[in-house]
């Protein structure tokens, strides 16, 4: 009997690490890691680049609560970080 995991790992069209679960688990549990790993953002100077938190976004992310109200200033990146 073949399991779904064995089928995925044996597929010729899909190449996965031996154990993809730790990476997938981290993407699900660590939202900042998922954001910085999967998202890209357009810039004025360099076109589309991978999304990385700037200093203001990092501070907000580390101190956020479920009840935040952000009076956002222009050009600080809050529209990008609040998903």
N, C-alpha and C. Protein backbone atom coordinates (compact mmCIF):
# COMPACT_ATOMS: atom_id res chain seq x y z
N UNK A 1 0.85 -1.18 0.00
CA UNK A 1 0.00 0.00 0.00
C UNK A 1 0.90 1.24 0.00
N UNK A 2 0.57 2.21 -0.82
CA UNK A 2 1.34 3.42 -0.96
C UNK A 2 0.60 4.57 -0.29
N UNK A 3 1.32 5.34 0.52
CA UNK A 3 0.70 6.49 1.17
C UNK A 3 0.83 7.71 0.27
N UNK A 4 0.08 8.76 0.60
CA UNK A 4 0.13 10.00 -0.19
C UNK A 4 1.52 10.61 -0.14
N UNK A 5 2.17 10.54 1.02
CA UNK A 5 3.51 11.09 1.16
C UNK A 5 4.49 10.34 0.27
N UNK A 6 4.42 9.04 0.23
CA UNK A 6 5.31 8.26 -0.63
C UNK A 6 5.06 8.59 -2.08
N UNK A 7 3.81 8.78 -2.46
CA UNK A 7 3.48 9.12 -3.84
C UNK A 7 4.10 10.46 -4.21
N UNK A 8 3.98 11.46 -3.34
CA UNK A 8 4.57 12.77 -3.62
C UNK A 8 6.09 12.68 -3.73
N UNK A 9 6.71 11.94 -2.83
CA UNK A 9 8.16 11.85 -2.84
C UNK A 9 8.68 11.06 -4.04
N UNK A 10 7.88 10.16 -4.59
CA UNK A 10 8.31 9.36 -5.72
C UNK A 10 7.94 9.98 -7.06
N UNK A 11 7.21 11.04 -7.06
CA UNK A 11 6.77 11.67 -8.30
C UNK A 11 7.96 12.25 -9.05
N UNK A 12 8.00 12.05 -10.35
CA UNK A 12 9.08 12.60 -11.17
C UNK A 12 8.96 14.11 -11.35
N UNK A 13 7.76 14.65 -11.26
CA UNK A 13 7.55 16.07 -11.51
C UNK A 13 7.70 16.92 -10.26
N UNK A 14 7.85 16.32 -9.10
CA UNK A 14 7.94 17.08 -7.86
C UNK A 14 9.14 16.62 -7.07
N UNK A 15 10.06 17.55 -6.82
CA UNK A 15 11.26 17.21 -6.07
C UNK A 15 11.16 17.86 -4.70
N UNK A 16 11.16 17.05 -3.66
CA UNK A 16 11.07 17.53 -2.29
C UNK A 16 12.25 17.02 -1.48
N UNK A 17 12.53 17.71 -0.40
CA UNK A 17 13.54 17.21 0.53
C UNK A 17 13.04 15.93 1.17
N UNK A 18 13.92 15.24 1.86
CA UNK A 18 13.51 13.98 2.51
C UNK A 18 12.33 14.18 3.44
N UNK A 19 12.36 15.25 4.18
CA UNK A 19 11.27 15.50 5.12
C UNK A 19 10.80 16.94 4.95
N UNK A 20 9.82 17.19 4.09
CA UNK A 20 9.35 18.55 3.87
C UNK A 20 8.51 19.09 5.02
N UNK A 21 8.11 18.26 5.95
CA UNK A 21 7.22 18.70 7.02
C UNK A 21 7.82 19.77 7.92
N UNK A 22 9.09 19.71 8.33
CA UNK A 22 9.60 20.80 9.18
C UNK A 22 9.54 22.16 8.49
N UNK A 23 9.86 22.22 7.21
CA UNK A 23 9.81 23.49 6.49
C UNK A 23 8.37 23.98 6.36
N UNK A 24 7.46 23.10 6.04
CA UNK A 24 6.05 23.48 5.92
C UNK A 24 5.48 23.89 7.27
N UNK A 25 5.86 23.18 8.31
CA UNK A 25 5.40 23.51 9.65
C UNK A 25 5.88 24.90 10.04
N UNK A 26 7.13 25.23 9.72
CA UNK A 26 7.65 26.56 10.05
C UNK A 26 6.90 27.64 9.28
N UNK A 27 6.58 27.39 8.02
CA UNK A 27 5.83 28.37 7.24
C UNK A 27 4.46 28.64 7.85
N UNK A 28 3.84 27.60 8.37
CA UNK A 28 2.50 27.75 8.96
C UNK A 28 2.57 28.41 10.32
N UNK A 29 3.53 28.04 11.14
CA UNK A 29 3.60 28.54 12.53
C UNK A 29 4.28 29.89 12.66
N UNK A 30 5.22 30.21 11.77
CA UNK A 30 6.00 31.45 11.88
C UNK A 30 5.58 32.38 10.75
N UNK A 31 4.63 33.27 11.02
CA UNK A 31 4.09 34.14 9.98
C UNK A 31 5.15 35.06 9.40
N UNK A 32 6.06 35.56 10.23
CA UNK A 32 7.09 36.46 9.71
C UNK A 32 7.99 35.71 8.73
N UNK A 33 8.37 34.49 9.07
CA UNK A 33 9.18 33.67 8.17
C UNK A 33 8.43 33.44 6.85
N UNK A 34 7.14 33.14 6.94
CA UNK A 34 6.35 32.92 5.73
C UNK A 34 6.28 34.18 4.88
N UNK A 35 6.06 35.32 5.52
CA UNK A 35 5.98 36.59 4.78
C UNK A 35 7.30 36.87 4.08
N UNK A 36 8.41 36.76 4.80
CA UNK A 36 9.70 37.07 4.21
C UNK A 36 10.16 36.01 3.20
N UNK A 37 9.63 34.81 3.29
CA UNK A 37 10.03 33.74 2.37
C UNK A 37 9.21 33.71 1.10
N UNK A 38 7.95 34.07 1.19
CA UNK A 38 7.04 33.87 0.07
C UNK A 38 6.62 35.13 -0.67
N UNK A 39 6.70 36.28 -0.03
CA UNK A 39 6.19 37.50 -0.64
C UNK A 39 7.29 38.34 -1.27
N UNK A 40 6.92 39.06 -2.32
CA UNK A 40 7.82 40.04 -2.92
C UNK A 40 7.04 41.34 -3.05
N UNK A 41 7.76 42.44 -3.25
CA UNK A 41 7.13 43.75 -3.24
C UNK A 41 7.80 44.63 -4.29
N UNK A 42 7.03 45.47 -5.00
CA UNK A 42 7.63 46.37 -5.98
C UNK A 42 8.29 47.56 -5.28
N UNK A 43 9.45 47.95 -5.74
CA UNK A 43 10.13 49.13 -5.22
C UNK A 43 10.24 50.16 -6.33
N UNK A 44 10.51 51.39 -5.95
CA UNK A 44 10.65 52.45 -6.95
C UNK A 44 11.95 52.33 -7.73
N UNK A 45 13.00 51.86 -7.06
CA UNK A 45 14.32 51.84 -7.67
C UNK A 45 14.68 50.51 -8.33
N UNK A 46 14.32 49.38 -7.68
CA UNK A 46 14.87 48.09 -8.10
C UNK A 46 13.85 47.12 -8.67
N UNK A 47 12.64 47.54 -8.91
CA UNK A 47 11.63 46.62 -9.42
C UNK A 47 11.10 45.73 -8.31
N UNK A 48 10.74 44.50 -8.64
CA UNK A 48 10.18 43.57 -7.65
C UNK A 48 11.32 42.88 -6.91
N UNK A 49 11.27 42.94 -5.57
CA UNK A 49 12.31 42.35 -4.72
C UNK A 49 11.65 41.53 -3.62
N UNK A 50 12.38 40.59 -3.01
CA UNK A 50 11.81 39.84 -1.88
C UNK A 50 11.45 40.79 -0.74
N UNK A 51 10.35 40.51 -0.06
CA UNK A 51 9.91 41.34 1.05
C UNK A 51 10.75 41.03 2.28
N UNK A 52 11.35 42.05 2.86
CA UNK A 52 12.06 41.95 4.15
C UNK A 52 11.56 43.09 5.02
N UNK A 53 11.32 42.80 6.29
CA UNK A 53 10.84 43.83 7.20
C UNK A 53 11.87 44.93 7.35
N UNK A 54 11.39 46.20 7.32
CA UNK A 54 12.29 47.30 7.65
C UNK A 54 12.26 47.52 9.16
N UNK A 55 12.99 48.50 9.65
CA UNK A 55 13.12 48.69 11.10
C UNK A 55 11.77 49.00 11.76
N UNK A 56 10.98 49.85 11.15
CA UNK A 56 9.68 50.22 11.72
C UNK A 56 8.73 49.01 11.71
N UNK A 57 8.72 48.27 10.61
CA UNK A 57 7.87 47.09 10.51
C UNK A 57 8.27 46.03 11.54
N UNK A 58 9.58 45.84 11.72
CA UNK A 58 10.07 44.86 12.71
C UNK A 58 9.62 45.25 14.12
N UNK A 59 9.74 46.53 14.45
CA UNK A 59 9.33 46.99 15.78
C UNK A 59 7.84 46.74 15.98
N UNK A 60 7.03 47.10 14.99
CA UNK A 60 5.59 46.85 15.10
C UNK A 60 5.31 45.36 15.26
N UNK A 61 5.95 44.52 14.43
CA UNK A 61 5.70 43.08 14.45
C UNK A 61 6.01 42.48 15.82
N UNK A 62 7.10 42.93 16.44
CA UNK A 62 7.52 42.39 17.73
C UNK A 62 6.63 42.86 18.88
N UNK A 63 5.93 43.98 18.71
CA UNK A 63 5.12 44.54 19.80
C UNK A 63 3.63 44.57 19.49
N UNK A 64 3.20 43.93 18.44
CA UNK A 64 1.79 44.00 18.04
C UNK A 64 0.90 43.20 19.00
N UNK A 65 -0.37 43.59 19.02
CA UNK A 65 -1.38 42.85 19.76
C UNK A 65 -2.53 42.58 18.78
N UNK A 66 -3.56 41.94 19.24
CA UNK A 66 -4.71 41.71 18.37
C UNK A 66 -5.66 42.90 18.32
N UNK A 67 -5.30 43.98 19.02
CA UNK A 67 -6.20 45.13 19.11
C UNK A 67 -5.50 46.42 18.70
N UNK A 68 -4.53 46.35 17.81
CA UNK A 68 -3.77 47.53 17.41
C UNK A 68 -4.57 48.43 16.48
N UNK A 69 -4.41 49.72 16.67
CA UNK A 69 -4.91 50.73 15.75
C UNK A 69 -3.68 51.49 15.29
N UNK A 70 -3.43 51.48 14.00
CA UNK A 70 -2.23 52.12 13.47
C UNK A 70 -2.64 53.38 12.74
N UNK A 71 -2.20 54.52 13.24
CA UNK A 71 -2.33 55.78 12.53
C UNK A 71 -1.07 55.89 11.69
N UNK A 72 -1.17 55.48 10.46
CA UNK A 72 0.05 55.25 9.69
C UNK A 72 0.56 56.51 9.02
N UNK A 73 1.85 56.66 9.08
CA UNK A 73 2.54 57.72 8.37
C UNK A 73 2.84 57.23 6.95
N UNK A 74 3.05 58.15 6.06
CA UNK A 74 3.36 57.76 4.68
C UNK A 74 4.77 57.20 4.57
N UNK A 75 4.95 56.28 3.65
CA UNK A 75 6.25 55.74 3.26
C UNK A 75 6.95 54.94 4.37
N UNK A 76 6.22 54.38 5.31
CA UNK A 76 6.87 53.58 6.35
C UNK A 76 6.63 52.09 6.15
N UNK A 77 5.74 51.70 5.25
CA UNK A 77 5.55 50.29 4.94
C UNK A 77 4.47 49.59 5.73
N UNK A 78 3.59 50.31 6.40
CA UNK A 78 2.57 49.64 7.20
C UNK A 78 1.51 48.97 6.34
N UNK A 79 1.21 49.52 5.19
CA UNK A 79 0.24 48.87 4.32
C UNK A 79 0.76 47.51 3.88
N UNK A 80 2.06 47.39 3.74
CA UNK A 80 2.66 46.12 3.31
C UNK A 80 2.72 45.08 4.42
N UNK A 81 2.99 45.50 5.64
CA UNK A 81 3.20 44.55 6.72
C UNK A 81 1.90 44.08 7.36
N UNK A 82 0.86 44.88 7.31
CA UNK A 82 -0.42 44.48 7.90
C UNK A 82 -1.20 43.75 6.83
N UNK A 83 -1.15 42.43 6.90
CA UNK A 83 -1.78 41.62 5.85
C UNK A 83 -3.19 41.28 6.19
